[in-house]
């Protein structure tokens, strides 16, 4: 499996895990979704919003940077630029879920369309404080997915503290099973 296929797998895993988290969060009332639980982004809803904000920020960088003009990212350019990493864009799950689903589908289509050579290209961008960076795109994309996994881990803990089980979250379940290799008789 090449790196592009691995990132396409990560896109599907990201999409499915976000759907699980939203399904789990929907079991809670508004008060429990907004409750400050001492997490870095305070609440379950705050952490869900942070994931969305960070994804939008990165996708906007990709859409105007190395991947400008790729049709899979056209819709991202139309999204409002978040003002802060802790911005609450959506205060309820009913309006949030369609936006999250749309973003996840965009990520899936985009990662499926990436080429292996894209992953080795230099990627120049500005961070949220307008500092300039230039890094190998494949490693930036790895960070993009690692960031999501990191905060989803926090969300599973916050949901568990509220008595909600998200279920198995291991990437291993998204990896296709192979036929066992049988060693030849000697």
N, C-alpha and C. Protein backbone atom coordinates (compact mmCIF):
# COMPACT_ATOMS: atom_id res chain seq x y z
N UNK A 1 0.86 -1.18 0.00
CA UNK A 1 0.00 0.00 0.00
C UNK A 1 0.89 1.24 0.00
N UNK A 2 0.67 2.11 -0.96
CA UNK A 2 1.43 3.34 -1.05
C UNK A 2 0.94 4.38 -0.05
N UNK A 3 1.71 5.44 0.07
CA UNK A 3 1.34 6.51 1.02
C UNK A 3 0.00 7.15 0.67
N UNK A 4 -0.26 7.38 -0.62
CA UNK A 4 -1.52 7.99 -1.02
C UNK A 4 -2.68 7.12 -0.57
N UNK A 5 -2.57 5.82 -0.71
CA UNK A 5 -3.62 4.91 -0.27
C UNK A 5 -3.79 4.96 1.25
N UNK A 6 -2.67 5.14 1.95
CA UNK A 6 -2.75 5.25 3.41
C UNK A 6 -3.51 6.51 3.82
N UNK A 7 -3.26 7.62 3.10
CA UNK A 7 -3.96 8.85 3.44
C UNK A 7 -5.44 8.77 3.05
N UNK A 8 -5.74 8.08 1.96
CA UNK A 8 -7.15 7.86 1.61
C UNK A 8 -7.84 7.04 2.70
N UNK A 9 -7.14 6.03 3.22
CA UNK A 9 -7.66 5.24 4.34
C UNK A 9 -7.88 6.13 5.56
N UNK A 10 -6.94 7.01 5.84
CA UNK A 10 -7.09 7.92 6.98
C UNK A 10 -8.29 8.85 6.79
N UNK A 11 -8.54 9.27 5.56
CA UNK A 11 -9.72 10.09 5.29
C UNK A 11 -11.01 9.35 5.62
N UNK A 12 -11.09 8.08 5.22
CA UNK A 12 -12.28 7.28 5.51
C UNK A 12 -12.42 7.02 7.01
N UNK A 13 -11.30 6.73 7.65
CA UNK A 13 -11.30 6.52 9.11
C UNK A 13 -11.77 7.78 9.82
N UNK A 14 -11.24 8.91 9.42
CA UNK A 14 -11.62 10.21 9.99
C UNK A 14 -13.13 10.43 9.85
N UNK A 15 -13.64 10.21 8.64
CA UNK A 15 -15.08 10.40 8.39
C UNK A 15 -15.92 9.50 9.30
N UNK A 16 -15.58 8.24 9.34
CA UNK A 16 -16.38 7.29 10.12
C UNK A 16 -16.28 7.57 11.62
N UNK A 17 -15.10 7.92 12.09
CA UNK A 17 -14.95 8.21 13.53
C UNK A 17 -15.71 9.48 13.91
N UNK A 18 -15.69 10.48 13.05
CA UNK A 18 -16.46 11.69 13.34
C UNK A 18 -17.95 11.37 13.43
N UNK A 19 -18.43 10.49 12.56
CA UNK A 19 -19.85 10.11 12.63
C UNK A 19 -20.15 9.38 13.94
N UNK A 20 -19.24 8.53 14.38
CA UNK A 20 -19.43 7.84 15.67
C UNK A 20 -19.46 8.83 16.82
N UNK A 21 -18.56 9.80 16.78
CA UNK A 21 -18.51 10.79 17.86
C UNK A 21 -19.78 11.63 17.90
N UNK A 22 -20.27 12.02 16.75
CA UNK A 22 -21.51 12.79 16.72
C UNK A 22 -22.69 11.95 17.20
N UNK A 23 -22.73 10.68 16.82
CA UNK A 23 -23.80 9.80 17.28
C UNK A 23 -23.73 9.65 18.80
N UNK A 24 -22.53 9.49 19.33
CA UNK A 24 -22.37 9.38 20.78
C UNK A 24 -22.75 10.68 21.47
N UNK A 25 -22.29 11.80 20.93
CA UNK A 25 -22.58 13.10 21.55
C UNK A 25 -24.08 13.41 21.51
N UNK A 26 -24.77 12.89 20.51
CA UNK A 26 -26.21 13.17 20.40
C UNK A 26 -27.02 12.53 21.54
N UNK A 27 -26.40 11.66 22.31
CA UNK A 27 -27.07 11.04 23.46
C UNK A 27 -27.09 11.97 24.67
N UNK A 28 -26.36 13.08 24.57
CA UNK A 28 -26.26 14.02 25.69
C UNK A 28 -27.16 15.22 25.47
N UNK A 29 -27.63 15.80 26.55
CA UNK A 29 -28.41 17.04 26.43
C UNK A 29 -27.46 18.22 26.23
N UNK A 30 -28.03 19.35 25.85
CA UNK A 30 -27.23 20.55 25.54
C UNK A 30 -26.32 20.95 26.70
N UNK A 31 -26.82 20.85 27.91
CA UNK A 31 -26.02 21.23 29.07
C UNK A 31 -24.76 20.41 29.20
N UNK A 32 -24.87 19.12 28.97
CA UNK A 32 -23.69 18.24 29.09
C UNK A 32 -22.75 18.43 27.90
N UNK A 33 -23.27 18.78 26.74
CA UNK A 33 -22.41 19.05 25.59
C UNK A 33 -21.57 20.31 25.80
N UNK A 34 -22.15 21.29 26.48
CA UNK A 34 -21.49 22.58 26.69
C UNK A 34 -20.71 22.65 28.01
N UNK A 35 -20.87 21.67 28.87
CA UNK A 35 -20.24 21.71 30.20
C UNK A 35 -18.72 21.76 30.09
N UNK A 36 -18.12 22.69 30.82
CA UNK A 36 -16.66 22.80 30.88
C UNK A 36 -16.15 21.63 31.72
N UNK A 37 -15.44 20.73 31.06
CA UNK A 37 -14.95 19.52 31.72
C UNK A 37 -13.45 19.59 31.97
N UNK A 38 -12.88 20.77 31.82
CA UNK A 38 -11.45 20.94 32.08
C UNK A 38 -10.56 20.49 30.93
N UNK A 39 -11.14 20.20 29.79
CA UNK A 39 -10.35 19.82 28.62
C UNK A 39 -9.74 21.08 28.00
N UNK A 40 -8.77 20.89 27.12
CA UNK A 40 -8.10 22.04 26.53
C UNK A 40 -9.08 22.97 25.83
N UNK A 41 -10.07 22.38 25.15
CA UNK A 41 -11.11 23.19 24.51
C UNK A 41 -12.41 23.11 25.31
N UNK A 42 -12.25 22.90 26.59
CA UNK A 42 -13.26 22.95 27.64
C UNK A 42 -14.29 21.84 27.56
N UNK A 43 -15.15 21.87 26.57
CA UNK A 43 -16.31 20.98 26.54
C UNK A 43 -16.25 20.01 25.37
N UNK A 44 -17.20 19.10 25.34
CA UNK A 44 -17.34 18.19 24.20
C UNK A 44 -17.60 19.01 22.94
N UNK A 45 -18.54 19.93 23.02
CA UNK A 45 -18.86 20.75 21.84
C UNK A 45 -17.68 21.64 21.46
N UNK A 46 -16.96 22.16 22.45
CA UNK A 46 -15.78 22.97 22.17
C UNK A 46 -14.71 22.18 21.45
N UNK A 47 -14.52 20.92 21.84
CA UNK A 47 -13.51 20.08 21.19
C UNK A 47 -13.95 19.67 19.79
N UNK A 48 -15.23 19.36 19.62
CA UNK A 48 -15.75 19.06 18.28
C UNK A 48 -15.56 20.27 17.36
N UNK A 49 -15.83 21.46 17.87
CA UNK A 49 -15.64 22.68 17.08
C UNK A 49 -14.17 22.88 16.75
N UNK A 50 -13.28 22.63 17.69
CA UNK A 50 -11.86 22.79 17.43
C UNK A 50 -11.41 21.88 16.28
N UNK A 51 -11.87 20.65 16.28
CA UNK A 51 -11.52 19.74 15.19
C UNK A 51 -11.98 20.30 13.84
N UNK A 52 -13.19 20.82 13.82
CA UNK A 52 -13.74 21.39 12.59
C UNK A 52 -12.93 22.63 12.17
N UNK A 53 -12.66 23.51 13.12
CA UNK A 53 -11.91 24.74 12.84
C UNK A 53 -10.53 24.40 12.29
N UNK A 54 -9.83 23.49 12.94
CA UNK A 54 -8.48 23.12 12.49
C UNK A 54 -8.53 22.49 11.10
N UNK A 55 -9.52 21.63 10.86
CA UNK A 55 -9.65 21.03 9.53
C UNK A 55 -9.89 22.09 8.47
N UNK A 56 -10.77 23.04 8.76
CA UNK A 56 -11.05 24.11 7.80
C UNK A 56 -9.78 24.93 7.55
N UNK A 57 -9.06 25.28 8.62
CA UNK A 57 -7.83 26.07 8.45
C UNK A 57 -6.83 25.35 7.55
N UNK A 58 -6.61 24.05 7.82
CA UNK A 58 -5.65 23.31 7.01
C UNK A 58 -6.13 23.15 5.58
N UNK A 59 -7.40 22.81 5.40
CA UNK A 59 -7.91 22.61 4.04
C UNK A 59 -7.86 23.91 3.24
N UNK A 60 -8.12 25.04 3.90
CA UNK A 60 -8.00 26.33 3.21
C UNK A 60 -6.55 26.57 2.78
N UNK A 61 -5.60 26.21 3.63
CA UNK A 61 -4.19 26.35 3.25
C UNK A 61 -3.88 25.46 2.05
N UNK A 62 -4.39 24.23 2.08
CA UNK A 62 -4.14 23.33 0.96
C UNK A 62 -4.79 23.87 -0.31
N UNK A 63 -6.00 24.42 -0.19
CA UNK A 63 -6.77 24.88 -1.35
C UNK A 63 -6.15 26.08 -2.04
N UNK A 64 -5.44 26.92 -1.29
CA UNK A 64 -4.83 28.11 -1.91
C UNK A 64 -3.33 27.91 -2.13
N UNK A 65 -2.79 26.83 -1.59
CA UNK A 65 -1.37 26.57 -1.72
C UNK A 65 -1.09 25.59 -2.84
N UNK A 66 -0.50 24.50 -2.45
CA UNK A 66 -0.03 23.50 -3.42
C UNK A 66 -1.15 22.88 -4.24
N UNK A 67 -2.38 22.95 -3.76
CA UNK A 67 -3.48 22.28 -4.44
C UNK A 67 -4.53 23.25 -4.96
N UNK A 68 -4.13 24.48 -5.17
CA UNK A 68 -5.03 25.49 -5.73
C UNK A 68 -5.56 24.99 -7.06
N UNK A 69 -6.85 25.15 -7.26
CA UNK A 69 -7.46 24.76 -8.51
C UNK A 69 -7.95 23.32 -8.55
N UNK A 70 -7.67 22.53 -7.51
CA UNK A 70 -8.20 21.17 -7.49
C UNK A 70 -9.66 21.22 -7.12
N UNK A 71 -10.49 20.65 -7.95
CA UNK A 71 -11.94 20.76 -7.78
C UNK A 71 -12.43 20.20 -6.45
N UNK A 72 -11.73 19.24 -5.90
CA UNK A 72 -12.17 18.64 -4.63
C UNK A 72 -12.13 19.63 -3.47
N UNK A 73 -11.31 20.66 -3.60
CA UNK A 73 -11.19 21.65 -2.53
C UNK A 73 -11.88 22.97 -2.85
N UNK A 74 -12.59 23.05 -3.97
CA UNK A 74 -13.25 24.29 -4.36
C UNK A 74 -14.19 24.81 -3.27
N UNK A 75 -14.98 23.94 -2.69
CA UNK A 75 -15.95 24.35 -1.67
C UNK A 75 -15.30 24.88 -0.42
N UNK A 76 -14.10 24.43 -0.12
CA UNK A 76 -13.40 24.87 1.08
C UNK A 76 -13.06 26.35 0.99
N UNK A 77 -12.71 26.80 -0.19
CA UNK A 77 -12.36 28.22 -0.37
C UNK A 77 -13.54 29.13 -0.03
N UNK A 78 -14.75 28.61 -0.14
CA UNK A 78 -15.94 29.40 0.14
C UNK A 78 -16.28 29.47 1.64
N UNK A 79 -15.69 28.58 2.43
CA UNK A 79 -15.96 28.57 3.87
C UNK A 79 -15.32 29.79 4.53
N UNK A 80 -16.00 30.31 5.53
CA UNK A 80 -15.44 31.43 6.29
C UNK A 80 -14.17 30.97 7.01
N UNK A 81 -13.18 31.84 7.04
CA UNK A 81 -11.94 31.52 7.74
C UNK A 81 -12.19 31.66 9.24
N UNK A 82 -11.96 30.59 10.00
CA UNK A 82 -12.12 30.70 11.45
C UNK A 82 -11.17 31.75 12.03
N UNK A 83 -11.62 32.42 13.07
CA UNK A 83 -10.81 33.49 13.66
C UNK A 83 -9.87 33.00 14.76
N UNK A 84 -10.17 31.85 15.34
CA UNK A 84 -9.35 31.33 16.43
C UNK A 84 -9.54 29.82 16.53
N UNK A 85 -8.53 29.14 17.07
CA UNK A 85 -8.60 27.68 17.21
C UNK A 85 -9.69 27.23 18.18
N UNK A 86 -10.12 28.12 19.04
CA UNK A 86 -11.17 27.76 20.02
C UNK A 86 -12.53 28.37 19.64
N UNK A 87 -12.66 28.83 18.40
CA UNK A 87 -13.92 29.43 17.97
C UNK A 87 -15.05 28.40 17.98
N UNK A 88 -16.19 28.79 18.51
CA UNK A 88 -17.38 27.95 18.47
C UNK A 88 -18.19 28.38 17.25
N UNK A 89 -18.08 27.61 16.20
CA UNK A 89 -18.80 27.92 14.97
C UNK A 89 -20.22 27.37 15.05
N UNK A 90 -20.35 26.20 15.64
CA UNK A 90 -21.66 25.55 15.77
C UNK A 90 -21.95 25.30 17.25
N UNK A 91 -23.08 25.79 17.71
CA UNK A 91 -23.42 25.64 19.13
C UNK A 91 -24.41 24.51 19.37
N UNK A 92 -24.85 23.83 18.30
CA UNK A 92 -25.72 22.67 18.48
C UNK A 92 -25.39 21.62 17.43
N UNK A 93 -25.63 20.37 17.77
CA UNK A 93 -25.25 19.26 16.89
C UNK A 93 -26.10 19.21 15.62
N UNK A 94 -27.36 19.63 15.70
CA UNK A 94 -28.24 19.55 14.53
C UNK A 94 -27.74 20.37 13.35
N UNK A 95 -27.23 21.56 13.62
CA UNK A 95 -26.68 22.37 12.52
C UNK A 95 -25.22 22.00 12.23
N UNK A 96 -24.54 21.45 13.22
CA UNK A 96 -23.13 21.10 13.08
C UNK A 96 -22.95 19.86 12.21
N UNK A 97 -23.77 18.84 12.42
CA UNK A 97 -23.55 17.55 11.76
C UNK A 97 -23.50 17.64 10.23
N UNK A 98 -24.41 18.35 9.56
CA UNK A 98 -24.29 18.43 8.10
C UNK A 98 -22.98 19.08 7.63
N UNK A 99 -22.52 20.08 8.36
CA UNK A 99 -21.26 20.74 7.99
C UNK A 99 -20.08 19.79 8.18
N UNK A 100 -20.09 19.03 9.28
CA UNK A 100 -19.03 18.06 9.54
C UNK A 100 -19.02 16.98 8.47
N UNK A 101 -20.21 16.48 8.13
CA UNK A 101 -20.30 15.45 7.10
C UNK A 101 -19.77 15.97 5.76
N UNK A 102 -20.13 17.18 5.41
CA UNK A 102 -19.68 17.77 4.15
C UNK A 102 -18.15 17.89 4.12
N UNK A 103 -17.59 18.35 5.22
CA UNK A 103 -16.14 18.49 5.29
C UNK A 103 -15.45 17.13 5.19
N UNK A 104 -16.02 16.13 5.85
CA UNK A 104 -15.42 14.79 5.82
C UNK A 104 -15.49 14.17 4.42
N UNK A 105 -16.58 14.39 3.71
CA UNK A 105 -16.69 13.91 2.33
C UNK A 105 -15.64 14.61 1.46
N UNK A 106 -15.47 15.91 1.67
CA UNK A 106 -14.45 16.66 0.93
C UNK A 106 -13.07 16.07 1.18
N UNK A 107 -12.75 15.79 2.43
CA UNK A 107 -11.45 15.20 2.78
C UNK A 107 -11.28 13.86 2.08
N UNK A 108 -12.31 13.03 2.11
CA UNK A 108 -12.23 11.71 1.45
C UNK A 108 -11.99 11.84 -0.05
N UNK A 109 -12.77 12.67 -0.71
CA UNK A 109 -12.60 12.82 -2.16
C UNK A 109 -11.22 13.37 -2.50
N UNK A 110 -10.77 14.33 -1.71
CA UNK A 110 -9.47 14.95 -1.97
C UNK A 110 -8.33 13.96 -1.77
N UNK A 111 -8.34 13.21 -0.65
CA UNK A 111 -7.24 12.28 -0.40
C UNK A 111 -7.25 11.13 -1.40
N UNK A 112 -8.44 10.75 -1.88
CA UNK A 112 -8.51 9.69 -2.91
C UNK A 112 -7.93 10.18 -4.23
N UNK A 113 -8.00 11.48 -4.49
CA UNK A 113 -7.50 12.04 -5.75
C UNK A 113 -6.02 12.42 -5.70
N UNK A 114 -5.42 12.44 -4.52
CA UNK A 114 -4.00 12.79 -4.42
C UNK A 114 -3.16 11.80 -5.21
N UNK A 115 -2.03 12.29 -5.68
CA UNK A 115 -1.05 11.45 -6.36
C UNK A 115 0.13 11.23 -5.43
N UNK A 116 0.78 10.11 -5.60
CA UNK A 116 1.94 9.78 -4.76
C UNK A 116 2.98 10.91 -4.82
N UNK A 117 3.20 11.46 -6.00
CA UNK A 117 4.20 12.52 -6.17
C UNK A 117 3.83 13.78 -5.39
N UNK A 118 2.54 14.02 -5.17
CA UNK A 118 2.10 15.19 -4.39
C UNK A 118 2.70 15.17 -2.99
N UNK A 119 2.89 13.99 -2.44
CA UNK A 119 3.31 13.86 -1.05
C UNK A 119 4.74 14.30 -0.80
N UNK A 120 5.54 14.35 -1.86
CA UNK A 120 6.93 14.76 -1.73
C UNK A 120 7.15 16.24 -2.06
N UNK A 121 6.11 16.92 -2.49
CA UNK A 121 6.24 18.34 -2.85
C UNK A 121 6.45 19.20 -1.62
N UNK A 122 7.23 20.27 -1.76
CA UNK A 122 7.32 21.24 -0.66
C UNK A 122 5.98 21.96 -0.54
N UNK A 123 5.59 22.23 0.67
CA UNK A 123 4.33 22.90 0.92
C UNK A 123 4.59 24.14 1.77
N UNK A 124 4.41 25.30 1.17
CA UNK A 124 4.61 26.58 1.87
C UNK A 124 3.26 27.07 2.38
N UNK A 125 3.24 27.54 3.62
CA UNK A 125 1.99 28.03 4.21
C UNK A 125 2.30 28.98 5.36
N UNK A 126 1.27 29.68 5.80
CA UNK A 126 1.34 30.52 6.99
C UNK A 126 0.48 29.87 8.06
N UNK A 127 0.96 29.87 9.29
CA UNK A 127 0.15 29.32 10.37
C UNK A 127 -0.86 30.37 10.83
N UNK A 128 -1.59 30.08 11.90
CA UNK A 128 -2.64 30.99 12.37
C UNK A 128 -2.07 32.31 12.91
N UNK A 129 -0.76 32.35 13.18
CA UNK A 129 -0.12 33.58 13.63
C UNK A 129 0.64 34.26 12.49
N UNK A 130 0.38 33.81 11.26
CA UNK A 130 0.97 34.37 10.04
C UNK A 130 2.47 34.13 9.91
N UNK A 131 3.01 33.16 10.64
CA UNK A 131 4.42 32.78 10.47
C UNK A 131 4.54 31.88 9.24
N UNK A 132 5.62 32.05 8.48
CA UNK A 132 5.85 31.29 7.26
C UNK A 132 6.53 29.96 7.55
N UNK A 133 6.09 28.92 6.84
CA UNK A 133 6.68 27.59 6.95
C UNK A 133 6.73 26.97 5.56
N UNK A 134 7.66 26.05 5.38
CA UNK A 134 7.71 25.24 4.17
C UNK A 134 8.18 23.85 4.60
N UNK A 135 7.30 22.87 4.41
CA UNK A 135 7.56 21.50 4.87
C UNK A 135 7.14 20.52 3.79
N UNK A 136 7.64 19.27 3.88
CA UNK A 136 7.19 18.26 2.91
C UNK A 136 5.68 18.02 3.09
N UNK A 137 4.93 18.09 1.99
CA UNK A 137 3.48 18.00 2.09
C UNK A 137 3.02 16.71 2.76
N UNK A 138 3.63 15.58 2.42
CA UNK A 138 3.20 14.30 3.01
C UNK A 138 3.26 14.32 4.53
N UNK A 139 4.28 14.94 5.08
CA UNK A 139 4.40 15.01 6.54
C UNK A 139 3.40 15.99 7.14
N UNK A 140 3.08 17.05 6.42
CA UNK A 140 2.03 17.98 6.88
C UNK A 140 0.68 17.26 6.88
N UNK A 141 0.43 16.47 5.85
CA UNK A 141 -0.82 15.71 5.80
C UNK A 141 -0.88 14.68 6.93
N UNK A 142 0.26 14.09 7.26
CA UNK A 142 0.31 13.17 8.39
C UNK A 142 -0.06 13.91 9.68
N UNK A 143 0.45 15.11 9.85
CA UNK A 143 0.10 15.93 11.01
C UNK A 143 -1.41 16.21 11.03
N UNK A 144 -1.97 16.56 9.88
CA UNK A 144 -3.40 16.84 9.74
C UNK A 144 -4.22 15.69 10.33
N UNK A 145 -3.90 14.47 9.94
CA UNK A 145 -4.65 13.31 10.44
C UNK A 145 -4.29 12.97 11.88
N UNK A 146 -3.04 13.14 12.25
CA UNK A 146 -2.64 12.87 13.64
C UNK A 146 -3.35 13.83 14.59
N UNK A 147 -3.49 15.08 14.21
CA UNK A 147 -4.18 16.08 15.02
C UNK A 147 -5.62 15.65 15.28
N UNK A 148 -6.29 15.18 14.23
CA UNK A 148 -7.67 14.72 14.38
C UNK A 148 -7.74 13.56 15.37
N UNK A 149 -6.85 12.60 15.21
CA UNK A 149 -6.84 11.43 16.09
C UNK A 149 -6.59 11.83 17.54
N UNK A 150 -5.68 12.74 17.74
CA UNK A 150 -5.35 13.23 19.09
C UNK A 150 -6.60 13.79 19.78
N UNK A 151 -7.30 14.68 19.11
CA UNK A 151 -8.47 15.30 19.75
C UNK A 151 -9.67 14.36 19.81
N UNK A 152 -9.78 13.44 18.88
CA UNK A 152 -10.85 12.44 19.01
C UNK A 152 -10.61 11.55 20.22
N UNK A 153 -9.34 11.29 20.53
CA UNK A 153 -9.03 10.55 21.76
C UNK A 153 -9.50 11.31 22.99
N UNK A 154 -9.31 12.62 22.99
CA UNK A 154 -9.82 13.43 24.09
C UNK A 154 -11.34 13.35 24.16
N UNK A 155 -11.98 13.40 23.00
CA UNK A 155 -13.44 13.35 22.97
C UNK A 155 -13.97 12.02 23.49
N UNK A 156 -13.30 10.91 23.15
CA UNK A 156 -13.78 9.62 23.68
C UNK A 156 -13.68 9.59 25.19
N UNK A 157 -12.66 10.23 25.75
CA UNK A 157 -12.53 10.31 27.21
C UNK A 157 -13.64 11.19 27.79
N UNK A 158 -13.87 12.35 27.20
CA UNK A 158 -14.92 13.24 27.70
C UNK A 158 -16.29 12.58 27.63
N UNK A 159 -16.56 11.87 26.54
CA UNK A 159 -17.83 11.18 26.40
C UNK A 159 -17.94 10.05 27.41
N UNK A 160 -16.86 9.32 27.61
CA UNK A 160 -16.84 8.24 28.60
C UNK A 160 -17.12 8.78 30.00
N UNK A 161 -16.57 9.95 30.31
CA UNK A 161 -16.82 10.57 31.61
C UNK A 161 -18.30 10.95 31.78
N UNK A 162 -19.00 11.08 30.66
CA UNK A 162 -20.44 11.39 30.69
C UNK A 162 -21.28 10.12 30.57
N UNK A 163 -20.63 8.95 30.62
CA UNK A 163 -21.34 7.67 30.56
C UNK A 163 -21.70 7.21 29.16
N UNK A 164 -21.06 7.77 28.14
CA UNK A 164 -21.35 7.40 26.76
C UNK A 164 -20.15 6.65 26.18
N UNK A 165 -20.41 5.44 25.69
CA UNK A 165 -19.37 4.61 25.09
C UNK A 165 -19.38 4.80 23.58
N UNK A 166 -18.25 5.21 23.02
CA UNK A 166 -18.12 5.42 21.58
C UNK A 166 -17.91 4.10 20.85
N UNK A 167 -17.46 3.10 21.55
CA UNK A 167 -17.14 1.82 20.93
C UNK A 167 -15.68 1.76 20.52
N UNK A 168 -15.35 0.76 19.74
CA UNK A 168 -13.97 0.54 19.31
C UNK A 168 -13.58 1.64 18.33
N UNK A 169 -12.42 2.23 18.57
CA UNK A 169 -11.95 3.32 17.72
C UNK A 169 -10.65 2.99 16.99
N UNK A 170 -10.19 1.78 17.09
CA UNK A 170 -8.91 1.40 16.51
C UNK A 170 -8.93 1.46 14.98
N UNK A 171 -7.93 2.10 14.41
CA UNK A 171 -7.75 2.16 12.96
C UNK A 171 -7.69 0.75 12.38
N UNK A 172 -7.22 -0.20 13.13
CA UNK A 172 -7.07 -1.57 12.67
C UNK A 172 -8.35 -2.12 12.04
N UNK A 173 -9.50 -1.67 12.53
CA UNK A 173 -10.78 -2.15 11.99
C UNK A 173 -11.05 -1.64 10.58
N UNK A 174 -10.37 -0.58 10.15
CA UNK A 174 -10.55 -0.01 8.81
C UNK A 174 -9.56 -0.58 7.80
N UNK A 175 -8.61 -1.37 8.28
CA UNK A 175 -7.60 -1.95 7.40
C UNK A 175 -8.13 -3.28 6.85
N UNK A 176 -8.10 -3.40 5.52
CA UNK A 176 -8.60 -4.61 4.87
C UNK A 176 -7.83 -5.84 5.33
N UNK A 177 -8.55 -6.93 5.47
CA UNK A 177 -7.95 -8.23 5.82
C UNK A 177 -7.31 -8.82 4.57
N UNK A 178 -6.15 -9.40 4.73
CA UNK A 178 -5.46 -10.07 3.62
C UNK A 178 -5.59 -11.58 3.76
N UNK A 179 -5.45 -12.25 2.67
CA UNK A 179 -5.37 -13.72 2.71
C UNK A 179 -4.05 -14.10 3.36
N UNK A 180 -4.10 -15.07 4.25
CA UNK A 180 -2.82 -15.49 4.88
C UNK A 180 -1.86 -16.03 3.83
N UNK A 181 -0.60 -15.74 4.06
CA UNK A 181 0.45 -16.24 3.18
C UNK A 181 0.84 -17.63 3.69
N UNK A 182 0.75 -18.59 2.80
CA UNK A 182 1.11 -19.96 3.16
C UNK A 182 2.51 -20.21 2.66
N UNK A 183 3.38 -20.60 3.57
CA UNK A 183 4.77 -20.86 3.20
C UNK A 183 4.83 -22.15 2.40
N UNK A 184 5.62 -22.18 1.32
CA UNK A 184 5.74 -23.41 0.52
C UNK A 184 6.42 -24.52 1.33
N UNK A 185 6.00 -25.74 1.07
CA UNK A 185 6.64 -26.88 1.73
C UNK A 185 8.02 -27.06 1.15
N UNK A 186 8.99 -27.38 2.00
CA UNK A 186 10.33 -27.57 1.47
C UNK A 186 10.70 -29.03 1.37
